[in-house]
Amino acid sequence: MTKIEGLAYLDEDVCQEVYAIGFRTDDTVLRDKVNESLKTLAENGKMDEIGKKYEEIYDNLSMINQ
């Protein structure tokens, strides 16, 4: 893998998901807003609704620190 200057790389996998969201290390406001939005979608059932509509992604929907 080509490493990009300024990004941190881990020696181990964090998860086995197909998709991920990355943030600048210092952009905690954006990170927190996205995490809160994902939590809301999980709690109100919308994430489940979307997953059932698009069956090919349903098993890949997950929340870290839920």
C-alpha atoms as a PDB file:
ATOM      1  CA  MET A   1       0.000   0.000   0.000  1.00  0.00           C
ATOM      2  CA  THR A   2       1.224   3.474  -0.808  1.00  0.00           C
ATOM      3  CA  LYS A   3       1.397   5.532   2.354  1.00  0.00           C
ATOM      4  CA  ILE A   4       0.309   9.153   2.279  1.00  0.00           C
ATOM      5  CA  GLU A   5       2.329  11.661   4.264  1.00  0.00           C
ATOM      6  CA  GLY A   6       0.426  13.067   7.224  1.00  0.00           C
ATOM      7  CA  LEU A   7      -1.793  10.009   7.771  1.00  0.00           C
ATOM      8  CA  ALA A   8      -1.367   7.527  10.608  1.00  0.00           C
ATOM      9  CA  TYR A   9      -1.357   3.807   9.762  1.00  0.00           C
ATOM     10  CA  LEU A  10      -2.209   1.022  12.199  1.00  0.00           C
ATOM     11  CA  ASP A  11      -0.393  -2.301  12.343  1.00  0.00           C
ATOM     12  CA  GLU A  12      -3.626  -4.205  12.943  1.00  0.00           C
ATOM     13  CA  ASP A  13      -7.135  -4.211  11.544  1.00  0.00           C
ATOM     14  CA  VAL A  14      -9.695  -2.172  13.471  1.00  0.00           C
ATOM     15  CA  CYS A  15     -12.592  -4.039  11.891  1.00  0.00           C
ATOM     16  CA  GLN A  16     -13.481  -6.144   8.879  1.00  0.00           C
ATOM     17  CA  GLU A  17     -16.021  -3.752   7.362  1.00  0.00           C
ATOM     18  CA  VAL A  18     -16.067  -2.860   3.677  1.00  0.00           C
ATOM     19  CA  TYR A  19     -16.607   0.848   4.341  1.00  0.00           C
ATOM     20  CA  ALA A  20     -15.154   3.295   6.833  1.00  0.00           C
ATOM     21  CA  ILE A  21     -15.252   7.002   7.582  1.00  0.00           C
ATOM     22  CA  GLY A  22     -11.992   8.811   8.270  1.00  0.00           C
ATOM     23  CA  PHE A  23     -11.462  12.191   9.882  1.00  0.00           C
ATOM     24  CA  ARG A  24      -8.575  14.568  10.339  1.00  0.00           C
ATOM     25  CA  THR A  25      -7.155  13.885  13.807  1.00  0.00           C
ATOM     26  CA  ASP A  26      -7.943  17.386  15.021  1.00  0.00           C
ATOM     27  CA  ASP A  27     -11.489  17.529  13.581  1.00  0.00           C
ATOM     28  CA  THR A  28     -13.276  16.215  16.656  1.00  0.00           C
ATOM     29  CA  VAL A  29     -16.353  18.382  16.046  1.00  0.00           C
ATOM     30  CA  LEU A  30     -17.055  16.717  12.685  1.00  0.00           C
ATOM     31  CA  ARG A  31     -16.242  13.260  14.097  1.00  0.00           C
ATOM     32  CA  ASP A  32     -18.642  13.759  16.998  1.00  0.00           C
ATOM     33  CA  LYS A  33     -21.445  15.035  14.719  1.00  0.00           C
ATOM     34  CA  VAL A  34     -21.104  12.048  12.386  1.00  0.00           C
ATOM     35  CA  ASN A  35     -20.987   9.579  15.298  1.00  0.00           C
ATOM     36  CA  GLU A  36     -24.064  11.166  16.872  1.00  0.00           C
ATOM     37  CA  SER A  37     -25.921  11.014  13.547  1.00  0.00           C
ATOM     38  CA  LEU A  38     -25.046   7.324  13.091  1.00  0.00           C
ATOM     39  CA  LYS A  39     -26.152   6.598  16.653  1.00  0.00           C
ATOM     40  CA  THR A  40     -29.473   8.373  16.018  1.00  0.00           C
ATOM     41  CA  LEU A  41     -30.008   6.369  12.810  1.00  0.00           C
ATOM     42  CA  ALA A  42     -29.367   3.134  14.719  1.00  0.00           C
ATOM     43  CA  GLU A  43     -31.644   4.078  17.623  1.00  0.00           C
ATOM     44  CA  ASN A  44     -34.600   5.293  15.569  1.00  0.00           C
ATOM     45  CA  GLY A  45     -34.553   2.256  13.258  1.00  0.00           C
ATOM     46  CA  LYS A  46     -33.644   4.165  10.095  1.00  0.00           C
ATOM     47  CA  MET A  47     -30.330   2.307   9.705  1.00  0.00           C
ATOM     48  CA  ASP A  48     -32.192  -1.004   9.869  1.00  0.00           C
ATOM     49  CA  GLU A  49     -34.750   0.288   7.358  1.00  0.00           C
ATOM     50  CA  ILE A  50     -31.990   1.313   4.932  1.00  0.00           C
ATOM     51  CA  GLY A  51     -30.219  -2.002   5.429  1.00  0.00           C
ATOM     52  CA  LYS A  52     -33.345  -3.977   4.624  1.00  0.00           C
ATOM     53  CA  LYS A  53     -33.911  -1.876   1.490  1.00  0.00           C
ATOM     54  CA  TYR A  54     -30.360  -2.590   0.296  1.00  0.00           C
ATOM     55  CA  GLU A  55     -29.840  -6.217   1.319  1.00  0.00           C
ATOM     56  CA  GLU A  56     -26.303  -6.350  -0.105  1.00  0.00           C
ATOM     57  CA  ILE A  57     -25.114  -3.936   2.629  1.00  0.00           C
ATOM     58  CA  TYR A  58     -27.343  -5.083   5.490  1.00  0.00           C
ATOM     59  CA  ASP A  59     -24.779  -7.370   7.127  1.00  0.00           C
ATOM     60  CA  ASN A  60     -22.132  -4.632   6.919  1.00  0.00           C
ATOM     61  CA  LEU A  61     -24.040  -2.062   8.980  1.00  0.00           C
ATOM     62  CA  SER A  62     -22.490  -1.742  12.398  1.00  0.00           C
ATOM     63  CA  MET A  63     -21.731   0.782  15.101  1.00  0.00           C
ATOM     64  CA  ILE A  64     -18.509   1.079  17.053  1.00  0.00           C
ATOM     65  CA  ASN A  65     -19.039   2.096  20.698  1.00  0.00           C
ATOM     66  CA  GLN A  66     -22.807   1.762  20.371  1.00  0.00           C
END
